[in-house]
Each structure stands twice: as structure tokens, then as C-alpha cells.
C-alpha atoms as a PDB file:
ATOM      1  CA  MET A   1       6.409  35.161 -27.334  1.00  0.00           C
ATOM      2  CA  THR A   2       7.058  31.255 -26.073  1.00  0.00           C
ATOM      3  CA  ARG A   3       4.470  28.515 -27.438  1.00  0.00           C
ATOM      4  CA  ASN A   4       2.550  28.827 -24.008  1.00  0.00           C
ATOM      5  CA  ALA A   5       1.488  32.177 -24.476  1.00  0.00           C
ATOM      6  CA  GLU A   6       0.353  31.894 -27.952  1.00  0.00           C
ATOM      7  CA  THR A   7      -1.705  28.870 -27.474  1.00  0.00           C
ATOM      8  CA  PRO A   8      -5.142  30.005 -26.087  1.00  0.00           C
ATOM      9  CA  ARG A   9      -6.787  28.635 -23.061  1.00  0.00           C
ATOM     10  CA  VAL A  10     -10.125  28.388 -21.904  1.00  0.00           C
ATOM     11  CA  VAL A  11      -8.344  28.400 -18.121  1.00  0.00           C
ATOM     12  CA  ALA A  12      -5.392  29.091 -17.441  1.00  0.00           C
ATOM     13  CA  GLY A  13      -3.004  26.828 -17.157  1.00  0.00           C
ATOM     14  CA  ALA A  14      -0.446  25.910 -14.075  1.00  0.00           C
ATOM     15  CA  PHE A  15       2.044  27.348 -15.539  1.00  0.00           C
ATOM     16  CA  GLN A  16       0.368  30.407 -16.810  1.00  0.00           C
ATOM     17  CA  LYS A  17      -0.874  33.767 -15.714  1.00  0.00           C
ATOM     18  CA  ASN A  18      -3.619  35.539 -17.025  1.00  0.00           C
ATOM     19  CA  LEU A  19      -2.703  38.864 -18.464  1.00  0.00           C
ATOM     20  CA  ALA A  20      -5.281  41.734 -19.629  1.00  0.00           C
ATOM     21  CA  GLY A  21      -7.329  41.077 -22.858  1.00  0.00           C
ATOM     22  CA  GLY A  22      -7.561  37.108 -22.071  1.00  0.00           C
ATOM     23  CA  GLU A  23      -3.569  36.290 -22.976  1.00  0.00           C
ATOM     24  CA  ALA A  24      -1.439  34.599 -21.028  1.00  0.00           C
ATOM     25  CA  GLU A  25       2.063  34.656 -20.025  1.00  0.00           C
ATOM     26  CA  ALA A  26       4.287  31.628 -19.266  1.00  0.00           C
ATOM     27  CA  THR A  27       5.565  31.464 -15.792  1.00  0.00           C
ATOM     28  CA  VAL A  28       7.521  29.211 -16.445  1.00  0.00           C
ATOM     29  CA  PRO A  29      10.791  30.775 -18.143  1.00  0.00           C
ATOM     30  CA  GLN A  30      11.685  28.143 -20.946  1.00  0.00           C
ATOM     31  CA  PRO A  31      15.133  28.738 -22.258  1.00  0.00           C
ATOM     32  CA  GLU A  32      15.318  30.273 -26.006  1.00  0.00           C
ATOM     33  CA  GLY A  33      15.562  27.547 -28.662  1.00  0.00           C
ATOM     34  CA  THR A  34      13.544  24.933 -26.673  1.00  0.00           C
ATOM     35  CA  SER A  35      11.259  23.384 -29.002  1.00  0.00           C
ATOM     36  CA  GLU A  36       8.272  21.959 -27.815  1.00  0.00           C
ATOM     37  CA  ALA A  37       8.707  18.421 -28.703  1.00  0.00           C
ATOM     38  CA  ALA A  38      12.264  18.642 -26.779  1.00  0.00           C
ATOM     39  CA  THR A  39      10.116  19.785 -23.695  1.00  0.00           C
ATOM     40  CA  ALA A  40       7.854  17.072 -24.155  1.00  0.00           C
ATOM     41  CA  ASP A  41      10.643  14.545 -24.038  1.00  0.00           C
ATOM     42  CA  VAL A  42      11.611  15.533 -21.162  1.00  0.00           C
ATOM     43  CA  LEU A  43       8.517  16.203 -19.412  1.00  0.00           C
ATOM     44  CA  THR A  44       7.459  12.548 -20.115  1.00  0.00           C
ATOM     45  CA  GLU A  45      10.834  11.022 -18.989  1.00  0.00           C
ATOM     46  CA  LEU A  46      10.368  12.955 -15.756  1.00  0.00           C
ATOM     47  CA  TRP A  47       7.056  11.453 -15.082  1.00  0.00           C
ATOM     48  CA  ALA A  48       7.762   7.676 -16.047  1.00  0.00           C
ATOM     49  CA  ASN A  49      10.572   8.038 -13.827  1.00  0.00           C
ATOM     50  CA  ALA A  50       8.493   9.271 -11.350  1.00  0.00           C
ATOM     51  CA  LYS A  51       6.213   6.340 -11.995  1.00  0.00           C
ATOM     52  CA  ALA A  52       9.033   3.611 -11.615  1.00  0.00           C
ATOM     53  CA  ALA A  53      10.035   5.178  -8.344  1.00  0.00           C
ATOM     54  CA  TRP A  54       6.457   5.156  -7.039  1.00  0.00           C
ATOM     55  CA  CYS A  55       6.035   1.988  -7.998  1.00  0.00           C
ATOM     56  CA  ALA A  56       9.007   1.111  -6.614  1.00  0.00           C
ATOM     57  CA  ARG A  57       8.528   3.151  -3.441  1.00  0.00           C
ATOM     58  CA  ASP A  58      11.646   4.352  -3.732  1.00  0.00           C
ATOM     59  CA  PHE A  59      11.268   7.944  -2.613  1.00  0.00           C
ATOM     60  CA  PRO A  60      11.528   9.867   0.552  1.00  0.00           C
ATOM     61  CA  LYS A  61       7.827  11.424   2.692  1.00  0.00           C
ATOM     62  CA  TYR A  62       6.965  14.432   0.865  1.00  0.00           C
ATOM     63  CA  GLY A  63       8.320  17.495   3.068  1.00  0.00           C
ATOM     64  CA  SER A  64      10.737  15.526   4.748  1.00  0.00           C
ATOM     65  CA  ARG A  65      14.624  16.166   4.959  1.00  0.00           C
ATOM     66  CA  ALA A  66      15.860  13.593   2.465  1.00  0.00           C
ATOM     67  CA  TRP A  67      12.785  14.694  -0.236  1.00  0.00           C
ATOM     68  CA  ILE A  68      13.804  19.032  -0.098  1.00  0.00           C
ATOM     69  CA  ALA A  69      17.374  17.798  -0.197  1.00  0.00           C
ATOM     70  CA  LEU A  70      16.154  16.103  -3.655  1.00  0.00           C
ATOM     71  CA  PRO A  71      17.052  18.596  -6.782  1.00  0.00           C
ATOM     72  CA  PRO A  72      14.103  19.927  -8.876  1.00  0.00           C
ATOM     73  CA  ASP A  73      14.712  17.647 -11.591  1.00  0.00           C
ATOM     74  CA  ASP A  74      14.772  14.443  -9.591  1.00  0.00           C
ATOM     75  CA  PRO A  75      11.777  12.140 -10.654  1.00  0.00           C
ATOM     76  CA  ARG A  76      11.718  10.812  -7.102  1.00  0.00           C
ATOM     77  CA  ARG A  77      10.723  14.354  -5.627  1.00  0.00           C
ATOM     78  CA  LEU A  78       7.838  13.791  -8.471  1.00  0.00           C
ATOM     79  CA  ALA A  79       6.782  11.032  -6.965  1.00  0.00           C
ATOM     80  CA  GLY A  80       6.758  11.368  -3.679  1.00  0.00           C
ATOM     81  CA  ALA A  81       4.460  15.197  -4.358  1.00  0.00           C
ATOM     82  CA  LEU A  82       2.293  12.609  -6.325  1.00  0.00           C
ATOM     83  CA  GLU A  83       2.155   9.769  -3.769  1.00  0.00           C
ATOM     84  CA  ALA A  84       1.459  12.959  -1.109  1.00  0.00           C
ATOM     85  CA  ALA A  85      -1.647  14.710  -3.530  1.00  0.00           C
ATOM     86  CA  GLU A  86      -3.313  10.685  -3.492  1.00  0.00           C
ATOM     87  CA  MET A  87      -2.929  10.513   0.616  1.00  0.00           C
ATOM     88  CA  TRP A  88      -4.858  13.937   0.714  1.00  0.00           C
ATOM     89  CA  ARG A  89      -7.288  12.833  -2.454  1.00  0.00           C
ATOM     90  CA  LYS A  90      -8.481   9.865  -0.685  1.00  0.00           C
ATOM     91  CA  TYR A  91      -7.516  10.397   3.265  1.00  0.00           C
ATOM     92  CA  GLY A  92      -8.002  14.449   3.821  1.00  0.00           C
ATOM     93  CA  ASP A  93      -5.758  15.613   6.222  1.00  0.00           C
ATOM     94  CA  GLU A  94      -3.403  12.909   7.983  1.00  0.00           C
ATOM     95  CA  GLU A  95      -3.936  14.564  11.346  1.00  0.00           C
ATOM     96  CA  GLU A  96      -7.438  14.514  10.690  1.00  0.00           C
ATOM     97  CA  LEU A  97      -7.622  11.257   9.937  1.00  0.00           C
ATOM     98  CA  VAL A  98      -5.343   9.665  13.213  1.00  0.00           C
ATOM     99  CA  ASN A  99      -8.545  11.942  15.559  1.00  0.00           C
ATOM    100  CA  TRP A 100     -11.125  10.296  13.340  1.00  0.00           C
ATOM    101  CA  LEU A 101      -9.564   6.890  13.777  1.00  0.00           C
ATOM    102  CA  LYS A 102      -8.309   7.041  17.715  1.00  0.00           C
ATOM    103  CA  ASN A 103     -12.224   8.621  18.438  1.00  0.00           C
ATOM    104  CA  LEU A 104     -13.825   5.790  16.859  1.00  0.00           C
ATOM    105  CA  GLY A 105     -13.898   3.845  20.278  1.00  0.00           C
ATOM    106  CA  ILE A 106     -13.334   0.402  18.541  1.00  0.00           C
ATOM    107  CA  ARG A 107     -10.675  -1.176  21.088  1.00  0.00           C
ATOM    108  CA  PRO A 108      -9.645  -4.415  19.246  1.00  0.00           C
ATOM    109  CA  ASN A 109     -10.054  -7.134  22.185  1.00  0.00           C
ATOM    110  CA  PHE A 110      -7.559  -9.487  21.857  1.00  0.00           C
ATOM    111  CA  VAL A 111      -7.982 -11.892  24.601  1.00  0.00           C
ATOM    112  CA  GLY A 112     -11.948 -11.696  24.760  1.00  0.00           C
ATOM    113  CA  HIS A 113     -12.175 -10.916  28.638  1.00  0.00           C
ATOM    114  CA  ARG A 114     -10.056 -14.044  29.629  1.00  0.00           C
ATOM    115  CA  THR A 115      -8.111 -14.980  32.505  1.00  0.00           C
ATOM    116  CA  ARG A 116      -4.074 -15.394  32.247  1.00  0.00           C
ATOM    117  CA  ALA A 117      -4.788 -18.690  33.669  1.00  0.00           C
ATOM    118  CA  GLU A 118      -7.604 -19.037  31.295  1.00  0.00           C
ATOM    119  CA  LEU A 119      -5.564 -18.548  28.737  1.00  0.00           C
ATOM    120  CA  ASP A 120      -2.418 -20.488  30.159  1.00  0.00           C
ATOM    121  CA  ALA A 121      -4.824 -23.403  30.254  1.00  0.00           C
ATOM    122  CA  LEU A 122      -5.884 -23.304  26.049  1.00  0.00           C
ATOM    123  CA  ALA A 123      -2.305 -22.946  25.031  1.00  0.00           C
ATOM    124  CA  LYS A 124      -1.536 -26.257  26.800  1.00  0.00           C
ATOM    125  CA  PRO A 125      -1.281 -29.181  24.109  1.00  0.00           C
ATOM    126  CA  TYR A 126      -3.837 -31.404  23.570  1.00  0.00           C
ATOM    127  CA  PRO A 127      -3.605 -35.369  25.307  1.00  0.00           C
ATOM    128  CA  PRO A 128      -2.400 -37.953  22.194  1.00  0.00           C
ATOM    129  CA  HIS A 129      -5.051 -39.016  20.309  1.00  0.00           C
ATOM    130  CA  GLN A 130      -6.015 -42.668  20.681  1.00  0.00           C
ATOM    131  CA  LEU A 131      -6.541 -44.443  17.337  1.00  0.00           C
ATOM    132  CA  LYS A 132      -9.565 -47.138  17.471  1.00  0.00           C
ATOM    133  CA  ALA A 133     -10.905 -49.235  14.665  1.00  0.00           C
ATOM    134  CA  THR A 134     -14.342 -49.390  13.646  1.00  0.00           C
ATOM    135  CA  SER A 135     -16.672 -51.358  12.360  1.00  0.00           C
ATOM    136  CA  GLY A 136     -16.713 -51.206   8.382  1.00  0.00           C
ATOM    137  CA  TRP A 137     -13.777 -49.514   7.987  1.00  0.00           C
ATOM    138  CA  PRO A 138     -10.257 -50.794   6.474  1.00  0.00           C
ATOM    139  CA  PRO A 139      -7.505 -51.542   9.055  1.00  0.00           C
ATOM    140  CA  ILE A 140      -5.630 -48.162  10.651  1.00  0.00           C
ATOM    141  CA  ARG A 141      -1.866 -47.512   9.730  1.00  0.00           C
ATOM    142  CA  ILE A 142      -0.424 -46.946  13.370  1.00  0.00           C
ATOM    143  CA  PRO A 143       2.152 -44.027  12.688  1.00  0.00           C
ATOM    144  CA  GLY A 144       5.804 -44.435  14.541  1.00  0.00           C
ATOM    145  CA  GLN A 145       5.105 -49.071  13.649  1.00  0.00           C
ATOM    146  CA  PRO A 146       5.524 -49.985  10.192  1.00  0.00           C
ATOM    147  CA  GLY A 147       3.530 -52.396   8.939  1.00  0.00           C
ATOM    148  CA  LYS A 148       0.988 -52.342  12.072  1.00  0.00           C
ATOM    149  CA  TYR A 149      -2.640 -51.944  11.714  1.00  0.00           C
ATOM    150  CA  LEU A 150      -5.673 -51.192  13.918  1.00  0.00           C
ATOM    151  CA  THR A 151      -8.302 -53.832  13.193  1.00  0.00           C
ATOM    152  CA  TYR A 152     -11.566 -53.952  14.314  1.00  0.00           C
ATOM    153  CA  GLU A 153     -12.187 -56.904  16.522  1.00  0.00           C
ATOM    154  CA  HIS A 154     -15.352 -57.891  16.258  1.00  0.00           C
ATOM    155  CA  GLN A 155     -16.711 -58.828  20.057  1.00  0.00           C
ATOM    156  CA  GLU A 156     -19.548 -61.288  20.948  1.00  0.00           C
ATOM    157  CA  ALA A 157     -22.461 -60.042  23.884  1.00  0.00           C
ATOM    158  CA  ALA A 158     -22.195 -62.132  26.896  1.00  0.00           C
END
């Protein structure tokens, strides 16, 4: 009898099936002589590697040909399955989500109902700004002309 069958559970786990009398039988065959600690180490390593693959986004999409081609003990296979489960938890059915987004009726308006001529006119550069010295402000250095400054000159009224 395996360790899974000896462990009492209130609800049958994913790897057990209920028998008459409340006993449980392991549905995943375990090799003889495998200790529970060795199995836990293998699962811990698989989980850690799958998490690393998930964080690095280094796994194929769940159900794709590349995902199906992965061996069952490849951590990237688990990472793909976990990603699909998380997307299902967050968003539900992918096609239903896409249809919902299409039916929102919100269309991005990038031009704001402007004509092509208006957009072209807006794209033209502005004329250069003419610098003027103002009373009470310090002199303004003239760009591109080292040592030259604009200073305010007071003009008397005639």
C-alpha cells in the first residue's frame, strides 16, 4: 500500500480516487522504494524551475505544438499550464474576452476628427522665437553667439 492510500483525507486530492469505505487509492503510480521525501524533493525542484521559467517568460503557450512536444517532467510545461490557469482565473475564456473587448464600442480616435490638411499644418515647425530683453530682468545670452547679450534699453517717450 502506498503512502497516499494510508493518509486520511477529507476531500479526495487530484491524485486520488475514492474507494468504498472512505479509503483512497493513488491514481499516479509511484515506483517501489521511493520515499516520500525523495518525491517531495523532485516536486519542489520542478516547482522552483517552473517558477523560474515563468518569471523569465521562457515557456511555450499552453496547448501549442511546442508545449505538447515538451516532456512531462519539463518545468516549462508546468509554467505554461500555470500561465494558462492564471489567465483563465483572471479573464475567463479567451475568445469570450476578445469578443467582449470588440463589443465595447470604444474606438481610439487618434486624429480627433481633423482633416489631413489640418494635421499637416500642425506638424509644421513653429517660427523661431524672437528674444526680447525686459525691464527688471538680467541680460539674455544670445544662443550661438558667445559673449553677446541682449540688454534692456529704456526708450524715452517723445
